Amino acid sequence: MRKFIALALTVLVALAAAVCVTASPTASLRQEAVRVQIDILPGVAPNAIDLGDIQAVPVAILSTAGFDAASVNAASVTVGGAPVTKTDDGQLSVSRDVNEDGLADVVIYFSPMFTQLDNTSTEAALRGSLNDGTPVESSDAVQCSGRAPQTAGAGPGVAPLATIRLPPALALSLFGDIYNYVASF
């Protein structure tokens, strides 16, 4: 029985790793996404990312004369498929003028360990939504290290049969319920 529970928990962890959280559960699939400007590792070139690192990586969402970065719903944002992580003081974003153009930009952070990037990735996509639900997207060049390319076949890197798209709160709740159910045996 214990082997069954261990196997079930292993399957749950694998399923959790395959879950792709959508940018916004309310955003319409037909709605045109707003292109925004971002800078991964603001002020640093090239944008070298160690995918095995636990250190959060900053991403600046840049304001322009026609776009206020503060209108982005930080909780909806993913970078390379990874959700935004909280700052040390528990915030999802920080407002500051990163590019010194006199406009307040928004800085978010993501954990490279949770991205869908690998060593062959040359850009990381940002997806999310504005506070009104309008989708936003962007990308920036990256140089990744620390994780082998994912390939179909046996073992690690197996391509998933399907991608499950769930809002973050539902995904956590669902996997918590399944874990509690399996652990009760």
C-alpha atoms as a PDB file:
ATOM      1  CA  MET A   1       0.000   0.000   0.000  1.00  0.00           C
ATOM      2  CA  ARG A   2       2.841   2.390   0.831  1.00  0.00           C
ATOM      3  CA  LYS A   3       4.378   1.756  -2.606  1.00  0.00           C
ATOM      4  CA  PHE A   4       1.029   2.656  -4.164  1.00  0.00           C
ATOM      5  CA  ILE A   5       0.883   5.910  -2.190  1.00  0.00           C
ATOM      6  CA  ALA A   6       4.470   6.754  -3.141  1.00  0.00           C
ATOM      7  CA  LEU A   7       3.676   6.028  -6.792  1.00  0.00           C
ATOM      8  CA  ALA A   8       0.481   8.102  -6.628  1.00  0.00           C
ATOM      9  CA  LEU A   9       2.367  11.035  -5.093  1.00  0.00           C
ATOM     10  CA  THR A  10       5.036  10.758  -7.796  1.00  0.00           C
ATOM     11  CA  VAL A  11       2.324  10.873 -10.461  1.00  0.00           C
ATOM     12  CA  LEU A  12       0.782  13.921  -8.764  1.00  0.00           C
ATOM     13  CA  VAL A  13       4.114  15.731  -8.788  1.00  0.00           C
ATOM     14  CA  ALA A  14       4.569  14.879 -12.473  1.00  0.00           C
ATOM     15  CA  LEU A  15       1.064  16.127 -13.255  1.00  0.00           C
ATOM     16  CA  ALA A  16       1.687  19.314 -11.306  1.00  0.00           C
ATOM     17  CA  ALA A  17       4.842  19.920 -13.354  1.00  0.00           C
ATOM     18  CA  ALA A  18       2.835  19.506 -16.576  1.00  0.00           C
ATOM     19  CA  VAL A  19       0.151  22.020 -15.594  1.00  0.00           C
ATOM     20  CA  CYS A  20       0.319  25.202 -17.646  1.00  0.00           C
ATOM     21  CA  VAL A  21      -1.351  28.090 -15.845  1.00  0.00           C
ATOM     22  CA  THR A  22      -3.214  30.443 -18.136  1.00  0.00           C
ATOM     23  CA  ALA A  23      -2.505  34.131 -18.138  1.00  0.00           C
ATOM     24  CA  SER A  24      -6.068  34.981 -17.191  1.00  0.00           C
ATOM     25  CA  PRO A  25      -9.066  32.718 -16.736  1.00  0.00           C
ATOM     26  CA  THR A  26     -11.395  35.520 -17.879  1.00  0.00           C
ATOM     27  CA  ALA A  27      -9.493  36.688 -20.947  1.00  0.00           C
ATOM     28  CA  SER A  28     -11.227  35.926 -24.216  1.00  0.00           C
ATOM     29  CA  LEU A  29      -9.320  33.682 -26.613  1.00  0.00           C
ATOM     30  CA  ARG A  30     -10.515  35.846 -29.526  1.00  0.00           C
ATOM     31  CA  GLN A  31      -9.379  39.110 -27.997  1.00  0.00           C
ATOM     32  CA  GLU A  32      -6.279  40.672 -29.555  1.00  0.00           C
ATOM     33  CA  ALA A  33      -3.341  40.789 -27.131  1.00  0.00           C
ATOM     34  CA  VAL A  34      -1.670  44.112 -26.364  1.00  0.00           C
ATOM     35  CA  ARG A  35       2.074  43.983 -27.112  1.00  0.00           C
ATOM     36  CA  VAL A  36       4.073  45.474 -24.254  1.00  0.00           C
ATOM     37  CA  GLN A  37       7.775  46.205 -23.907  1.00  0.00           C
ATOM     38  CA  ILE A  38       9.763  44.188 -21.364  1.00  0.00           C
ATOM     39  CA  ASP A  39      13.361  43.930 -20.231  1.00  0.00           C
ATOM     40  CA  ILE A  40      14.440  40.681 -18.583  1.00  0.00           C
ATOM     41  CA  LEU A  41      17.300  41.388 -16.171  1.00  0.00           C
ATOM     42  CA  PRO A  42      16.966  45.168 -16.612  1.00  0.00           C
ATOM     43  CA  GLY A  43      20.256  46.852 -17.459  1.00  0.00           C
ATOM     44  CA  VAL A  44      22.058  43.540 -18.050  1.00  0.00           C
ATOM     45  CA  ALA A  45      23.139  42.176 -21.434  1.00  0.00           C
ATOM     46  CA  PRO A  46      23.041  39.421 -22.411  1.00  0.00           C
ATOM     47  CA  ASN A  47      20.096  38.083 -20.403  1.00  0.00           C
ATOM     48  CA  ALA A  48      21.840  34.962 -19.077  1.00  0.00           C
ATOM     49  CA  ILE A  49      19.498  32.753 -17.049  1.00  0.00           C
ATOM     50  CA  ASP A  50      20.541  29.665 -15.058  1.00  0.00           C
ATOM     51  CA  LEU A  51      17.441  27.452 -15.192  1.00  0.00           C
ATOM     52  CA  GLY A  52      18.575  25.507 -12.143  1.00  0.00           C
ATOM     53  CA  ASP A  53      18.893  28.633  -9.990  1.00  0.00           C
ATOM     54  CA  ILE A  54      16.430  29.343  -7.190  1.00  0.00           C
ATOM     55  CA  GLN A  55      17.210  33.065  -7.327  1.00  0.00           C
ATOM     56  CA  ALA A  56      14.266  35.055  -8.730  1.00  0.00           C
ATOM     57  CA  VAL A  57      14.891  36.887 -12.008  1.00  0.00           C
ATOM     58  CA  PRO A  58      13.534  40.438 -12.459  1.00  0.00           C
ATOM     59  CA  VAL A  59      11.506  41.462 -15.503  1.00  0.00           C
ATOM     60  CA  ALA A  60      10.619  45.098 -16.132  1.00  0.00           C
ATOM     61  CA  ILE A  61       7.330  45.817 -17.871  1.00  0.00           C
ATOM     62  CA  LEU A  62       8.056  49.208 -19.416  1.00  0.00           C
ATOM     63  CA  SER A  63       5.626  52.103 -19.499  1.00  0.00           C
ATOM     64  CA  THR A  64       5.431  54.233 -22.631  1.00  0.00           C
ATOM     65  CA  ALA A  65       3.627  57.455 -23.494  1.00  0.00           C
ATOM     66  CA  GLY A  66       0.625  55.344 -24.570  1.00  0.00           C
ATOM     67  CA  PHE A  67       0.838  52.511 -22.025  1.00  0.00           C
ATOM     68  CA  ASP A  68       0.877  52.468 -18.213  1.00  0.00           C
ATOM     69  CA  ALA A  69       2.650  49.339 -16.980  1.00  0.00           C
ATOM     70  CA  ALA A  70       0.696  49.609 -13.711  1.00  0.00           C
ATOM     71  CA  SER A  71      -2.394  48.508 -15.680  1.00  0.00           C
ATOM     72  CA  VAL A  72      -0.956  44.966 -15.931  1.00  0.00           C
ATOM     73  CA  ASN A  73      -2.464  42.488 -13.477  1.00  0.00           C
ATOM     74  CA  ALA A  74       0.772  41.079 -11.980  1.00  0.00           C
ATOM     75  CA  ALA A  75      -1.029  37.993 -10.624  1.00  0.00           C
ATOM     76  CA  SER A  76      -1.933  36.986 -14.201  1.00  0.00           C
ATOM     77  CA  VAL A  77       1.601  37.163 -15.600  1.00  0.00           C
ATOM     78  CA  THR A  78       3.777  34.224 -16.587  1.00  0.00           C
ATOM     79  CA  VAL A  79       7.316  34.418 -17.953  1.00  0.00           C
ATOM     80  CA  GLY A  80       8.509  31.389 -19.884  1.00  0.00           C
ATOM     81  CA  GLY A  81       5.463  29.613 -18.469  1.00  0.00           C
ATOM     82  CA  ALA A  82       6.437  30.333 -14.846  1.00  0.00           C
ATOM     83  CA  PRO A  83       4.144  32.390 -12.613  1.00  0.00           C
ATOM     84  CA  VAL A  84       5.291  35.580 -10.939  1.00  0.00           C
ATOM     85  CA  THR A  85       6.886  35.130  -7.511  1.00  0.00           C
ATOM     86  CA  LYS A  86       6.438  37.470  -4.575  1.00  0.00           C
ATOM     87  CA  THR A  87       9.124  39.894  -3.488  1.00  0.00           C
ATOM     88  CA  ASP A  88      10.723  39.631  -0.048  1.00  0.00           C
ATOM     89  CA  ASP A  89       8.047  41.966   1.326  1.00  0.00           C
ATOM     90  CA  GLY A  90       5.209  39.845  -0.154  1.00  0.00           C
ATOM     91  CA  GLN A  91       4.385  42.014  -3.179  1.00  0.00           C
ATOM     92  CA  LEU A  92       3.864  40.652  -6.712  1.00  0.00           C
ATOM     93  CA  SER A  93       5.353  43.738  -8.330  1.00  0.00           C
ATOM     94  CA  VAL A  94       7.425  46.817  -7.618  1.00  0.00           C
ATOM     95  CA  SER A  95       6.959  50.198  -9.301  1.00  0.00           C
ATOM     96  CA  ARG A  96      10.096  52.113 -10.335  1.00  0.00           C
ATOM     97  CA  ASP A  97      11.534  53.910 -13.351  1.00  0.00           C
ATOM     98  CA  VAL A  98      13.879  51.222 -14.664  1.00  0.00           C
ATOM     99  CA  ASN A  99      14.884  52.848 -17.955  1.00  0.00           C
ATOM    100  CA  GLU A 100      15.047  56.417 -16.593  1.00  0.00           C
ATOM    101  CA  ASP A 101      12.495  57.852 -19.037  1.00  0.00           C
ATOM    102  CA  GLY A 102      10.451  59.576 -16.323  1.00  0.00           C
ATOM    103  CA  LEU A 103       7.685  56.939 -16.426  1.00  0.00           C
ATOM    104  CA  ALA A 104       7.032  54.419 -13.649  1.00  0.00           C
ATOM    105  CA  ASP A 105       7.684  50.869 -14.864  1.00  0.00           C
ATOM    106  CA  VAL A 106       6.593  47.656 -13.142  1.00  0.00           C
ATOM    107  CA  VAL A 107       9.154  45.042 -12.068  1.00  0.00           C
ATOM    108  CA  ILE A 108       8.006  41.468 -11.495  1.00  0.00           C
ATOM    109  CA  TYR A 109      10.051  38.383 -10.617  1.00  0.00           C
ATOM    110  CA  PHE A 110       9.936  34.757 -11.772  1.00  0.00           C
ATOM    111  CA  SER A 111      11.757  31.617 -10.728  1.00  0.00           C
ATOM    112  CA  PRO A 112      13.796  30.106 -13.592  1.00  0.00           C
ATOM    113  CA  MET A 113      13.325  26.622 -12.108  1.00  0.00           C
ATOM    114  CA  PHE A 114       9.613  26.709 -12.921  1.00  0.00           C
ATOM    115  CA  THR A 115       9.848  27.860 -16.536  1.00  0.00           C
ATOM    116  CA  GLN A 116       9.283  25.748 -19.617  1.00  0.00           C
ATOM    117  CA  LEU A 117      12.596  26.997 -21.011  1.00  0.00           C
ATOM    118  CA  ASP A 118      15.629  24.803 -21.710  1.00  0.00           C
ATOM    119  CA  ASN A 119      19.245  25.292 -22.831  1.00  0.00           C
ATOM    120  CA  THR A 120      18.150  25.824 -26.447  1.00  0.00           C
ATOM    121  CA  SER A 121      15.681  28.619 -25.616  1.00  0.00           C
ATOM    122  CA  THR A 122      16.599  31.979 -27.125  1.00  0.00           C
ATOM    123  CA  GLU A 123      13.633  34.018 -25.907  1.00  0.00           C
ATOM    124  CA  ALA A 124      11.241  34.030 -22.980  1.00  0.00           C
ATOM    125  CA  ALA A 125       7.623  35.003 -23.542  1.00  0.00           C
ATOM    126  CA  LEU A 126       5.627  37.093 -21.097  1.00  0.00           C
ATOM    127  CA  ARG A 127       1.871  36.498 -21.079  1.00  0.00           C
ATOM    128  CA  GLY A 128      -0.774  37.962 -18.828  1.00  0.00           C
ATOM    129  CA  SER A 129      -3.639  40.397 -18.775  1.00  0.00           C
ATOM    130  CA  LEU A 130      -4.472  43.963 -17.962  1.00  0.00           C
ATOM    131  CA  ASN A 131      -6.654  44.729 -14.966  1.00  0.00           C
ATOM    132  CA  ASP A 132      -9.650  44.839 -17.353  1.00  0.00           C
ATOM    133  CA  GLY A 133      -8.906  41.308 -18.670  1.00  0.00           C
ATOM    134  CA  THR A 134      -7.328  42.351 -21.986  1.00  0.00           C
ATOM    135  CA  PRO A 135      -4.474  39.938 -22.792  1.00  0.00           C
ATOM    136  CA  VAL A 136      -0.902  41.232 -22.912  1.00  0.00           C
ATOM    137  CA  GLU A 137       2.176  39.586 -24.355  1.00  0.00           C
ATOM    138  CA  SER A 138       5.821  40.248 -25.040  1.00  0.00           C
ATOM    139  CA  SER A 139       9.172  38.503 -25.253  1.00  0.00           C
ATOM    140  CA  ASP A 140      12.846  39.211 -24.699  1.00  0.00           C
ATOM    141  CA  ALA A 141      16.035  37.449 -25.769  1.00  0.00           C
ATOM    142  CA  VAL A 142      17.646  35.070 -23.249  1.00  0.00           C
ATOM    143  CA  GLN A 143      20.652  32.773 -23.011  1.00  0.00           C
ATOM    144  CA  CYS A 144      19.710  29.759 -20.908  1.00  0.00           C
ATOM    145  CA  SER A 145      21.878  27.211 -19.133  1.00  0.00           C
ATOM    146  CA  GLY A 146      21.331  24.536 -16.534  1.00  0.00           C
ATOM    147  CA  ARG A 147      18.625  22.360 -18.144  1.00  0.00           C
ATOM    148  CA  ALA A 148      18.847  19.956 -21.069  1.00  0.00           C
ATOM    149  CA  PRO A 149      16.395  20.341 -23.949  1.00  0.00           C
ATOM    150  CA  GLN A 150      13.096  18.518 -23.448  1.00  0.00           C
ATOM    151  CA  THR A 151      12.604  15.720 -25.933  1.00  0.00           C
ATOM    152  CA  ALA A 152       9.932  13.100 -26.492  1.00  0.00           C
ATOM    153  CA  GLY A 153      10.825   9.634 -25.279  1.00  0.00           C
ATOM    154  CA  ALA A 154      11.241   7.724 -22.062  1.00  0.00           C
ATOM    155  CA  GLY A 155      12.317   9.334 -18.837  1.00  0.00           C
ATOM    156  CA  PRO A 156      12.678  13.020 -17.980  1.00  0.00           C
ATOM    157  CA  GLY A 157      11.662  15.396 -20.716  1.00  0.00           C
ATOM    158  CA  VAL A 158       8.752  13.270 -21.944  1.00  0.00           C
ATOM    159  CA  ALA A 159       6.330  15.420 -23.889  1.00  0.00           C
ATOM    160  CA  PRO A 160       2.976  15.586 -22.090  1.00  0.00           C
ATOM    161  CA  LEU A 161      -0.035  14.001 -23.783  1.00  0.00           C
ATOM    162  CA  ALA A 162      -2.077  17.098 -23.029  1.00  0.00           C
ATOM    163  CA  THR A 163      -1.662  20.441 -21.357  1.00  0.00           C
ATOM    164  CA  ILE A 164      -4.089  21.272 -18.585  1.00  0.00           C
ATOM    165  CA  ARG A 165      -4.935  24.970 -18.334  1.00  0.00           C
ATOM    166  CA  LEU A 166      -6.177  26.018 -14.912  1.00  0.00           C
ATOM    167  CA  PRO A 167      -6.303  29.282 -12.979  1.00  0.00           C
ATOM    168  CA  PRO A 168      -3.541  29.245 -10.314  1.00  0.00           C
ATOM    169  CA  ALA A 169      -5.900  29.112  -7.316  1.00  0.00           C
ATOM    170  CA  LEU A 170      -7.873  26.204  -8.791  1.00  0.00           C
ATOM    171  CA  ALA A 171      -4.696  24.288  -9.660  1.00  0.00           C
ATOM    172  CA  LEU A 172      -3.359  24.596  -6.111  1.00  0.00           C
ATOM    173  CA  SER A 173      -6.704  23.665  -4.611  1.00  0.00           C
ATOM    174  CA  LEU A 174      -7.151  20.671  -6.914  1.00  0.00           C
ATOM    175  CA  PHE A 175      -3.708  19.218  -6.264  1.00  0.00           C
ATOM    176  CA  GLY A 176      -4.064  19.876  -2.534  1.00  0.00           C
ATOM    177  CA  ASP A 177      -7.347  17.935  -2.495  1.00  0.00           C
ATOM    178  CA  ILE A 178      -5.837  15.038  -4.459  1.00  0.00           C
ATOM    179  CA  TYR A 179      -2.783  14.956  -2.190  1.00  0.00           C
ATOM    180  CA  ASN A 180      -4.959  14.896   0.944  1.00  0.00           C
ATOM    181  CA  TYR A 181      -7.126  12.127  -0.530  1.00  0.00           C
ATOM    182  CA  VAL A 182      -4.135   9.916  -1.427  1.00  0.00           C
ATOM    183  CA  ALA A 183      -2.414  10.620   1.900  1.00  0.00           C
ATOM    184  CA  SER A 184      -5.549   9.474   3.783  1.00  0.00           C
ATOM    185  CA  PHE A 185      -4.956   5.839   2.718  1.00  0.00           C
END
